[in-house]
Amino acid sequence: MRRISATELARNLSRVLDRLATEGEEIVVERNQREIARIVPGPAHQTAIEAMADLYQILPEDAAATWERDGRRTKLKGKTLDEGVRNPWDS
């Protein structure tokens, strides 16, 4: 946990927020050597690809087939996966 003065925060807000975002460390703000606030990082952000990157390692082998089958049965905007997905390489 990093400690900074209120003056330092005011002068370097952008830099402090950048550090918070990259390092994810809680920051304590002090005024006259007294803690007046804590700045904590927000929730982590992941893309769907990042969240599912290692999923194949923990799921049973038949899970992919089940997901595909369920996806093809599910209707989105009145169409199933087979009806609604086009080949992007088809001209």
PDB file of N, CA and C in Angstrom:
ATOM      1  N   MET A   1       0.850  -1.168   0.000  1.00  0.00           N
ATOM      2  CA  MET A   1       0.000   0.000   0.000  1.00  0.00           C
ATOM      3  C   MET A   1       0.898   1.234   0.000  1.00  0.00           C
ATOM      4  N   ARG A   2       0.645   2.068  -0.968  1.00  0.00           N
ATOM      5  CA  ARG A   2       1.441   3.286  -1.119  1.00  0.00           C
ATOM      6  C   ARG A   2       0.750   4.441  -0.405  1.00  0.00           C
ATOM      7  N   ARG A   3       1.524   5.318   0.197  1.00  0.00           N
ATOM      8  CA  ARG A   3       0.990   6.487   0.884  1.00  0.00           C
ATOM      9  C   ARG A   3       1.470   7.744   0.170  1.00  0.00           C
ATOM     10  N   ILE A   4       0.542   8.675  -0.095  1.00  0.00           N
ATOM     11  CA  ILE A   4       0.913   9.950  -0.719  1.00  0.00           C
ATOM     12  C   ILE A   4       0.175  11.075  -0.002  1.00  0.00           C
ATOM     13  N   SER A   5       0.717  12.265  -0.137  1.00  0.00           N
ATOM     14  CA  SER A   5       0.060  13.425   0.471  1.00  0.00           C
ATOM     15  C   SER A   5      -1.045  13.921  -0.455  1.00  0.00           C
ATOM     16  N   ALA A   6      -1.983  14.646   0.114  1.00  0.00           N
ATOM     17  CA  ALA A   6      -3.060  15.233  -0.676  1.00  0.00           C
ATOM     18  C   ALA A   6      -2.488  16.196  -1.711  1.00  0.00           C
ATOM     19  N   THR A   7      -1.425  16.908  -1.359  1.00  0.00           N
ATOM     20  CA  THR A   7      -0.785  17.834  -2.286  1.00  0.00           C
ATOM     21  C   THR A   7      -0.196  17.078  -3.472  1.00  0.00           C
ATOM     22  N   GLU A   8       0.492  15.971  -3.189  1.00  0.00           N
ATOM     23  CA  GLU A   8       1.068  15.162  -4.262  1.00  0.00           C
ATOM     24  C   GLU A   8      -0.029  14.618  -5.174  1.00  0.00           C
ATOM     25  N   LEU A   9      -1.131  14.180  -4.603  1.00  0.00           N
ATOM     26  CA  LEU A   9      -2.254  13.692  -5.391  1.00  0.00           C
ATOM     27  C   LEU A   9      -2.798  14.795  -6.303  1.00  0.00           C
ATOM     28  N   ALA A  10      -2.987  15.991  -5.743  1.00  0.00           N
ATOM     29  CA  ALA A  10      -3.517  17.111  -6.522  1.00  0.00           C
ATOM     30  C   ALA A  10      -2.590  17.478  -7.679  1.00  0.00           C
ATOM     31  N   ARG A  11      -1.301  17.439  -7.445  1.00  0.00           N
ATOM     32  CA  ARG A  11      -0.337  17.829  -8.479  1.00  0.00           C
ATOM     33  C   ARG A  11      -0.123  16.751  -9.534  1.00  0.00           C
ATOM     34  N   ASN A  12      -0.349  15.502  -9.167  1.00  0.00           N
ATOM     35  CA  ASN A  12      -0.016  14.374 -10.057  1.00  0.00           C
ATOM     36  C   ASN A  12      -1.176  13.404 -10.239  1.00  0.00           C
ATOM     37  N   LEU A  13      -2.378  13.908 -10.259  1.00  0.00           N
ATOM     38  CA  LEU A  13      -3.549  13.017 -10.308  1.00  0.00           C
ATOM     39  C   LEU A  13      -3.487  12.046 -11.476  1.00  0.00           C
ATOM     40  N   SER A  14      -3.203  12.527 -12.656  1.00  0.00           N
ATOM     41  CA  SER A  14      -3.163  11.651 -13.824  1.00  0.00           C
ATOM     42  C   SER A  14      -2.120  10.543 -13.658  1.00  0.00           C
ATOM     43  N   ARG A  15      -0.947  10.907 -13.193  1.00  0.00           N
ATOM     44  CA  ARG A  15       0.131   9.932 -12.991  1.00  0.00           C
ATOM     45  C   ARG A  15      -0.252   8.915 -11.905  1.00  0.00           C
ATOM     46  N   VAL A  16      -0.879   9.397 -10.829  1.00  0.00           N
ATOM     47  CA  VAL A  16      -1.298   8.495  -9.747  1.00  0.00           C
ATOM     48  C   VAL A  16      -2.352   7.509 -10.263  1.00  0.00           C
ATOM     49  N   LEU A  17      -3.310   7.993 -11.037  1.00  0.00           N
ATOM     50  CA  LEU A  17      -4.344   7.110 -11.577  1.00  0.00           C
ATOM     51  C   LEU A  17      -3.765   6.103 -12.559  1.00  0.00           C
ATOM     52  N   ASP A  18      -2.800   6.533 -13.376  1.00  0.00           N
ATOM     53  CA  ASP A  18      -2.131   5.600 -14.287  1.00  0.00           C
ATOM     54  C   ASP A  18      -1.432   4.493 -13.514  1.00  0.00           C
ATOM     55  N   ARG A  19      -0.751   4.872 -12.452  1.00  0.00           N
ATOM     56  CA  ARG A  19      -0.048   3.877 -11.634  1.00  0.00           C
ATOM     57  C   ARG A  19      -1.042   2.919 -10.969  1.00  0.00           C
ATOM     58  N   LEU A  20      -2.144   3.470 -10.499  1.00  0.00           N
ATOM     59  CA  LEU A  20      -3.186   2.647  -9.891  1.00  0.00           C
ATOM     60  C   LEU A  20      -3.715   1.630 -10.893  1.00  0.00           C
ATOM     61  N   ALA A  21      -3.935   2.076 -12.125  1.00  0.00           N
ATOM     62  CA  ALA A  21      -4.468   1.189 -13.155  1.00  0.00           C
ATOM     63  C   ALA A  21      -3.482   0.099 -13.551  1.00  0.00           C
ATOM     64  N   THR A  22      -2.193   0.440 -13.621  1.00  0.00           N
ATOM     65  CA  THR A  22      -1.215  -0.542 -14.077  1.00  0.00           C
ATOM     66  C   THR A  22      -0.735  -1.464 -12.961  1.00  0.00           C
ATOM     67  N   GLU A  23      -0.551  -0.923 -11.771  1.00  0.00           N
ATOM     68  CA  GLU A  23      -0.016  -1.731 -10.673  1.00  0.00           C
ATOM     69  C   GLU A  23      -1.098  -2.323  -9.785  1.00  0.00           C
ATOM     70  N   GLY A  24      -2.278  -1.712  -9.784  1.00  0.00           N
ATOM     71  CA  GLY A  24      -3.385  -2.244  -9.004  1.00  0.00           C
ATOM     72  C   GLY A  24      -3.188  -2.172  -7.498  1.00  0.00           C
ATOM     73  N   GLU A  25      -2.344  -1.266  -7.049  1.00  0.00           N
ATOM     74  CA  GLU A  25      -2.051  -1.154  -5.617  1.00  0.00           C
ATOM     75  C   GLU A  25      -2.918  -0.067  -4.985  1.00  0.00           C
ATOM     76  N   GLU A  26      -3.445  -0.356  -3.816  1.00  0.00           N
ATOM     77  CA  GLU A  26      -4.239   0.624  -3.076  1.00  0.00           C
ATOM     78  C   GLU A  26      -3.354   1.797  -2.669  1.00  0.00           C
ATOM     79  N   ILE A  27      -3.910   3.014  -2.720  1.00  0.00           N
ATOM     80  CA  ILE A  27      -3.160   4.217  -2.364  1.00  0.00           C
ATOM     81  C   ILE A  27      -3.865   4.921  -1.209  1.00  0.00           C
ATOM     82  N   VAL A  28      -3.107   5.250  -0.179  1.00  0.00           N
ATOM     83  CA  VAL A  28      -3.637   5.982   0.971  1.00  0.00           C
ATOM     84  C   VAL A  28      -3.259   7.450   0.805  1.00  0.00           C
ATOM     85  N   VAL A  29      -4.246   8.333   0.917  1.00  0.00           N
ATOM     86  CA  VAL A  29      -4.007   9.768   0.799  1.00  0.00           C
ATOM     87  C   VAL A  29      -3.971  10.352   2.208  1.00  0.00           C
ATOM     88  N   GLU A  30      -2.920  11.118   2.488  1.00  0.00           N
ATOM     89  CA  GLU A  30      -2.747  11.712   3.817  1.00  0.00           C
ATOM     90  C   GLU A  30      -2.727  13.233   3.741  1.00  0.00           C
ATOM     91  N   ARG A  31      -3.241  13.837   4.779  1.00  0.00           N
ATOM     92  CA  ARG A  31      -3.138  15.292   4.952  1.00  0.00           C
ATOM     93  C   ARG A  31      -2.705  15.505   6.396  1.00  0.00           C
ATOM     94  N   ASN A  32      -1.624  16.256   6.584  1.00  0.00           N
ATOM     95  CA  ASN A  32      -1.071  16.496   7.925  1.00  0.00           C
ATOM     96  C   ASN A  32      -0.802  15.177   8.654  1.00  0.00           C
ATOM     97  N   GLN A  33      -0.214  14.232   7.935  1.00  0.00           N
ATOM     98  CA  GLN A  33       0.156  12.923   8.457  1.00  0.00           C
ATOM     99  C   GLN A  33      -1.043  12.103   8.958  1.00  0.00           C
ATOM    100  N   ARG A  34      -2.242  12.442   8.523  1.00  0.00           N
ATOM    101  CA  ARG A  34      -3.440  11.678   8.893  1.00  0.00           C
ATOM    102  C   ARG A  34      -4.085  11.118   7.639  1.00  0.00           C
ATOM    103  N   GLU A  35      -4.492   9.874   7.705  1.00  0.00           N
ATOM    104  CA  GLU A  35      -5.159   9.243   6.563  1.00  0.00           C
ATOM    105  C   GLU A  35      -6.521   9.895   6.357  1.00  0.00           C
ATOM    106  N   ILE A  36      -6.756  10.369   5.138  1.00  0.00           N
ATOM    107  CA  ILE A  36      -8.057  10.985   4.859  1.00  0.00           C
ATOM    108  C   ILE A  36      -8.844  10.228   3.792  1.00  0.00           C
ATOM    109  N   ALA A  37      -8.145   9.404   3.002  1.00  0.00           N
ATOM    110  CA  ALA A  37      -8.842   8.662   1.952  1.00  0.00           C
ATOM    111  C   ALA A  37      -8.001   7.479   1.492  1.00  0.00           C
ATOM    112  N   ARG A  38      -8.670   6.558   0.850  1.00  0.00           N
ATOM    113  CA  ARG A  38      -8.004   5.431   0.196  1.00  0.00           C
ATOM    114  C   ARG A  38      -8.529   5.356  -1.224  1.00  0.00           C
ATOM    115  N   ILE A  39      -7.626   5.169  -2.143  1.00  0.00           N
ATOM    116  CA  ILE A  39      -8.013   4.985  -3.537  1.00  0.00           C
ATOM    117  C   ILE A  39      -7.700   3.530  -3.877  1.00  0.00           C
ATOM    118  N   VAL A  40      -8.702   2.812  -4.303  1.00  0.00           N
ATOM    119  CA  VAL A  40      -8.528   1.395  -4.620  1.00  0.00           C
ATOM    120  C   VAL A  40      -8.797   1.175  -6.106  1.00  0.00           C
ATOM    121  N   PRO A  41      -8.117   0.207  -6.697  1.00  0.00           N
ATOM    122  CA  PRO A  41      -8.341  -0.058  -8.122  1.00  0.00           C
ATOM    123  C   PRO A  41      -9.744  -0.609  -8.344  1.00  0.00           C
ATOM    124  N   GLY A  42     -10.275  -0.331  -9.520  1.00  0.00           N
ATOM    125  CA  GLY A  42     -11.581  -0.867  -9.885  1.00  0.00           C
ATOM    126  C   GLY A  42     -11.470  -2.343 -10.196  1.00  0.00           C
ATOM    127  N   PRO A  43     -12.598  -2.961 -10.499  1.00  0.00           N
ATOM    128  CA  PRO A  43     -12.561  -4.393 -10.814  1.00  0.00           C
ATOM    129  C   PRO A  43     -11.734  -4.651 -12.077  1.00  0.00           C
ATOM    130  N   ALA A  44     -11.097  -5.782 -12.083  1.00  0.00           N
ATOM    131  CA  ALA A  44     -10.272  -6.146 -13.241  1.00  0.00           C
ATOM    132  C   ALA A  44     -11.150  -6.282 -14.476  1.00  0.00           C
ATOM    133  N   HIS A  45     -10.598  -5.948 -15.612  1.00  0.00           N
ATOM    134  CA  HIS A  45     -11.323  -6.029 -16.878  1.00  0.00           C
ATOM    135  C   HIS A  45     -10.672  -7.088 -17.739  1.00  0.00           C
ATOM    136  N   GLN A  46     -11.486  -7.979 -18.284  1.00  0.00           N
ATOM    137  CA  GLN A  46     -10.978  -8.996 -19.194  1.00  0.00           C
ATOM    138  C   GLN A  46     -11.885  -9.064 -20.413  1.00  0.00           C
ATOM    139  N   THR A  47     -11.288  -9.353 -21.538  1.00  0.00           N
ATOM    140  CA  THR A  47     -12.087  -9.622 -22.722  1.00  0.00           C
ATOM    141  C   THR A  47     -12.590 -11.062 -22.623  1.00  0.00           C
ATOM    142  N   ALA A  48     -13.548 -11.402 -23.448  1.00  0.00           N
ATOM    143  CA  ALA A  48     -14.062 -12.776 -23.457  1.00  0.00           C
ATOM    144  C   ALA A  48     -12.959 -13.764 -23.799  1.00  0.00           C
ATOM    145  N   ILE A  49     -12.100 -13.382 -24.724  1.00  0.00           N
ATOM    146  CA  ILE A  49     -10.988 -14.264 -25.116  1.00  0.00           C
ATOM    147  C   ILE A  49     -10.061 -14.510 -23.934  1.00  0.00           C
ATOM    148  N   GLU A  50      -9.726 -13.462 -23.185  1.00  0.00           N
ATOM    149  CA  GLU A  50      -8.846 -13.609 -22.018  1.00  0.00           C
ATOM    150  C   GLU A  50      -9.508 -14.459 -20.940  1.00  0.00           C
ATOM    151  N   ALA A  51     -10.791 -14.243 -20.719  1.00  0.00           N
ATOM    152  CA  ALA A  51     -11.504 -14.987 -19.680  1.00  0.00           C
ATOM    153  C   ALA A  51     -11.602 -16.473 -20.010  1.00  0.00           C
ATOM    154  N   MET A  52     -11.696 -16.792 -21.278  1.00  0.00           N
ATOM    155  CA  MET A  52     -11.899 -18.184 -21.671  1.00  0.00           C
ATOM    156  C   MET A  52     -10.639 -18.849 -22.199  1.00  0.00           C
ATOM    157  N   ALA A  53      -9.502 -18.158 -22.151  1.00  0.00           N
ATOM    158  CA  ALA A  53      -8.265 -18.647 -22.755  1.00  0.00           C
ATOM    159  C   ALA A  53      -7.848 -20.023 -22.264  1.00  0.00           C
ATOM    160  N   ASP A  54      -7.953 -20.285 -20.996  1.00  0.00           N
ATOM    161  CA  ASP A  54      -7.510 -21.564 -20.439  1.00  0.00           C
ATOM    162  C   ASP A  54      -8.665 -22.508 -20.143  1.00  0.00           C
ATOM    163  N   LEU A  55      -9.843 -22.169 -20.585  1.00  0.00           N
ATOM    164  CA  LEU A  55     -11.022 -22.970 -20.279  1.00  0.00           C
ATOM    165  C   LEU A  55     -10.893 -24.398 -20.792  1.00  0.00           C
ATOM    166  N   TYR A  56     -10.261 -24.558 -21.948  1.00  0.00           N
ATOM    167  CA  TYR A  56     -10.123 -25.887 -22.531  1.00  0.00           C
ATOM    168  C   TYR A  56      -9.351 -26.841 -21.619  1.00  0.00           C
ATOM    169  N   GLN A  57      -8.523 -26.303 -20.737  1.00  0.00           N
ATOM    170  CA  GLN A  57      -7.718 -27.155 -19.859  1.00  0.00           C
ATOM    171  C   GLN A  57      -8.516 -27.732 -18.693  1.00  0.00           C
ATOM    172  N   ILE A  58      -9.618 -27.094 -18.326  1.00  0.00           N
ATOM    173  CA  ILE A  58     -10.346 -27.551 -17.146  1.00  0.00           C
ATOM    174  C   ILE A  58     -11.697 -28.188 -17.460  1.00  0.00           C
ATOM    175  N   LEU A  59     -12.179 -28.047 -18.681  1.00  0.00           N
ATOM    176  CA  LEU A  59     -13.469 -28.631 -19.037  1.00  0.00           C
ATOM    177  C   LEU A  59     -13.302 -30.065 -19.524  1.00  0.00           C
ATOM    178  N   PRO A  60     -14.314 -30.896 -19.280  1.00  0.00           N
ATOM    179  CA  PRO A  60     -14.246 -32.256 -19.825  1.00  0.00           C
ATOM    180  C   PRO A  60     -14.310 -32.208 -21.354  1.00  0.00           C
ATOM    181  N   GLU A  61     -13.814 -33.260 -21.998  1.00  0.00           N
ATOM    182  CA  GLU A  61     -13.715 -33.270 -23.456  1.00  0.00           C
ATOM    183  C   GLU A  61     -15.054 -33.128 -24.160  1.00  0.00           C
ATOM    184  N   ASP A  62     -16.115 -33.656 -23.582  1.00  0.00           N
ATOM    185  CA  ASP A  62     -17.417 -33.603 -24.253  1.00  0.00           C
ATOM    186  C   ASP A  62     -18.103 -32.231 -24.123  1.00  0.00           C
ATOM    187  N   ALA A  63     -17.512 -31.310 -23.363  1.00  0.00           N
ATOM    188  CA  ALA A  63     -18.138 -30.003 -23.148  1.00  0.00           C
ATOM    189  C   ALA A  63     -18.241 -29.202 -24.443  1.00  0.00           C
ATOM    190  N   ALA A  64     -17.241 -29.278 -25.309  1.00  0.00           N
ATOM    191  CA  ALA A  64     -17.272 -28.508 -26.562  1.00  0.00           C
ATOM    192  C   ALA A  64     -18.446 -28.933 -27.421  1.00  0.00           C
ATOM    193  N   ALA A  65     -18.660 -30.225 -27.530  1.00  0.00           N
ATOM    194  CA  ALA A  65     -19.776 -30.721 -28.336  1.00  0.00           C
ATOM    195  C   ALA A  65     -21.108 -30.272 -27.746  1.00  0.00           C
ATOM    196  N   THR A  66     -21.216 -30.289 -26.427  1.00  0.00           N
ATOM    197  CA  THR A  66     -22.451 -29.851 -25.763  1.00  0.00           C
ATOM    198  C   THR A  66     -22.682 -28.373 -26.010  1.00  0.00           C
ATOM    199  N   TRP A  67     -21.652 -27.564 -25.895  1.00  0.00           N
ATOM    200  CA  TRP A  67     -21.784 -26.124 -26.132  1.00  0.00           C
ATOM    201  C   TRP A  67     -22.222 -25.853 -27.565  1.00  0.00           C
ATOM    202  N   GLU A  68     -21.587 -26.547 -28.503  1.00  0.00           N
ATOM    203  CA  GLU A  68     -21.942 -26.335 -29.906  1.00  0.00           C
ATOM    204  C   GLU A  68     -23.395 -26.744 -30.156  1.00  0.00           C
ATOM    205  N   ARG A  69     -23.788 -27.891 -29.651  1.00  0.00           N
ATOM    206  CA  ARG A  69     -25.166 -28.363 -29.839  1.00  0.00           C
ATOM    207  C   ARG A  69     -26.165 -27.379 -29.230  1.00  0.00           C
ATOM    208  N   ASP A  70     -25.896 -26.928 -28.008  1.00  0.00           N
ATOM    209  CA  ASP A  70     -26.798 -25.968 -27.362  1.00  0.00           C
ATOM    210  C   ASP A  70     -26.833 -24.643 -28.126  1.00  0.00           C
ATOM    211  N   GLY A  71     -25.675 -24.197 -28.609  1.00  0.00           N
ATOM    212  CA  GLY A  71     -25.611 -22.958 -29.367  1.00  0.00           C
ATOM    213  C   GLY A  71     -26.397 -23.028 -30.662  1.00  0.00           C
ATOM    214  N   ARG A  72     -26.364 -24.180 -31.300  1.00  0.00           N
ATOM    215  CA  ARG A  72     -27.095 -24.328 -32.561  1.00  0.00           C
ATOM    216  C   ARG A  72     -28.604 -24.398 -32.332  1.00  0.00           C
ATOM    217  N   ARG A  73     -29.040 -24.825 -31.160  1.00  0.00           N
ATOM    218  CA  ARG A  73     -30.475 -24.886 -30.841  1.00  0.00           C
ATOM    219  C   ARG A  73     -31.038 -23.546 -30.383  1.00  0.00           C
ATOM    220  N   THR A  74     -30.186 -22.698 -29.828  1.00  0.00           N
ATOM    221  CA  THR A  74     -30.632 -21.428 -29.258  1.00  0.00           C
ATOM    222  C   THR A  74     -30.970 -20.443 -30.360  1.00  0.00           C
ATOM    223  N   LYS A  75     -32.100 -19.754 -30.182  1.00  0.00           N
ATOM    224  CA  LYS A  75     -32.508 -18.753 -31.175  1.00  0.00           C
ATOM    225  C   LYS A  75     -32.134 -17.369 -30.687  1.00  0.00           C
ATOM    226  N   LEU A  76     -31.570 -16.589 -31.591  1.00  0.00           N
ATOM    227  CA  LEU A  76     -31.230 -15.204 -31.324  1.00  0.00           C
ATOM    228  C   LEU A  76     -31.839 -14.380 -32.446  1.00  0.00           C
ATOM    229  N   LYS A  77     -32.713 -13.461 -32.060  1.00  0.00           N
ATOM    230  CA  LYS A  77     -33.440 -12.654 -33.046  1.00  0.00           C
ATOM    231  C   LYS A  77     -34.187 -13.547 -34.027  1.00  0.00           C
ATOM    232  N   GLY A  78     -34.725 -14.651 -33.497  1.00  0.00           N
ATOM    233  CA  GLY A  78     -35.546 -15.539 -34.318  1.00  0.00           C
ATOM    234  C   GLY A  78     -34.775 -16.495 -35.203  1.00  0.00           C
ATOM    235  N   LYS A  79     -33.454 -16.493 -35.151  1.00  0.00           N
ATOM    236  CA  LYS A  79     -32.653 -17.383 -35.996  1.00  0.00           C
ATOM    237  C   LYS A  79     -31.768 -18.257 -35.122  1.00  0.00           C
ATOM    238  N   THR A  80     -31.532 -19.472 -35.585  1.00  0.00           N
ATOM    239  CA  THR A  80     -30.584 -20.340 -34.902  1.00  0.00           C
ATOM    240  C   THR A  80     -29.186 -20.033 -35.420  1.00  0.00           C
ATOM    241  N   LEU A  81     -28.191 -20.607 -34.787  1.00  0.00           N
ATOM    242  CA  LEU A  81     -26.810 -20.385 -35.196  1.00  0.00           C
ATOM    243  C   LEU A  81     -26.597 -20.789 -36.651  1.00  0.00           C
ATOM    244  N   ASP A  82     -27.162 -21.929 -37.052  1.00  0.00           N
ATOM    245  CA  ASP A  82     -26.997 -22.386 -38.433  1.00  0.00           C
ATOM    246  C   ASP A  82     -27.620 -21.420 -39.430  1.00  0.00           C
ATOM    247  N   GLU A  83     -28.726 -20.801 -39.059  1.00  0.00           N
ATOM    248  CA  GLU A  83     -29.425 -19.890 -39.973  1.00  0.00           C
ATOM    249  C   GLU A  83     -28.821 -18.490 -39.985  1.00  0.00           C
ATOM    250  N   GLY A  84     -28.239 -18.084 -38.855  1.00  0.00           N
ATOM    251  CA  GLY A  84     -27.827 -16.699 -38.717  1.00  0.00           C
ATOM    252  C   GLY A  84     -26.363 -16.404 -38.948  1.00  0.00           C
ATOM    253  N   VAL A  85     -25.522 -17.420 -39.069  1.00  0.00           N
ATOM    254  CA  VAL A  85     -24.094 -17.176 -39.238  1.00  0.00           C
ATOM    255  C   VAL A  85     -23.726 -17.401 -40.698  1.00  0.00           C
ATOM    256  N   ARG A  86     -23.044 -16.433 -41.268  1.00  0.00           N
ATOM    257  CA  ARG A  86     -22.615 -16.575 -42.651  1.00  0.00           C
ATOM    258  C   ARG A  86     -21.099 -16.729 -42.686  1.00  0.00           C
ATOM    259  N   ASN A  87     -20.616 -17.315 -43.734  1.00  0.00           N
ATOM    260  CA  ASN A  87     -19.183 -17.476 -43.920  1.00  0.00           C
ATOM    261  C   ASN A  87     -18.608 -16.139 -44.370  1.00  0.00           C
ATOM    262  N   PRO A  88     -17.710 -15.522 -43.594  1.00  0.00           N
ATOM    263  CA  PRO A  88     -17.192 -14.205 -43.963  1.00  0.00           C
ATOM    264  C   PRO A  88     -16.296 -14.236 -45.212  1.00  0.00           C
ATOM    265  N   TRP A  89     -15.829 -15.421 -45.627  1.00  0.00           N
ATOM    266  CA  TRP A  89     -14.980 -15.539 -46.797  1.00  0.00           C
ATOM    267  C   TRP A  89     -15.781 -15.773 -48.075  1.00  0.00           C
ATOM    268  N   ASP A  90     -17.082 -16.066 -47.931  1.00  0.00           N
ATOM    269  CA  ASP A  90     -17.933 -16.191 -49.113  1.00  0.00           C
ATOM    270  C   ASP A  90     -18.158 -14.823 -49.724  1.00  0.00           C
ATOM    271  N   SER A  91     -18.023 -14.715 -51.011  1.00  0.00           N
ATOM    272  CA  SER A  91     -18.243 -13.416 -51.666  1.00  0.00           C
ATOM    273  C   SER A  91     -19.614 -13.355 -52.283  1.00  0.00           C
TER     274      SER A  91
END
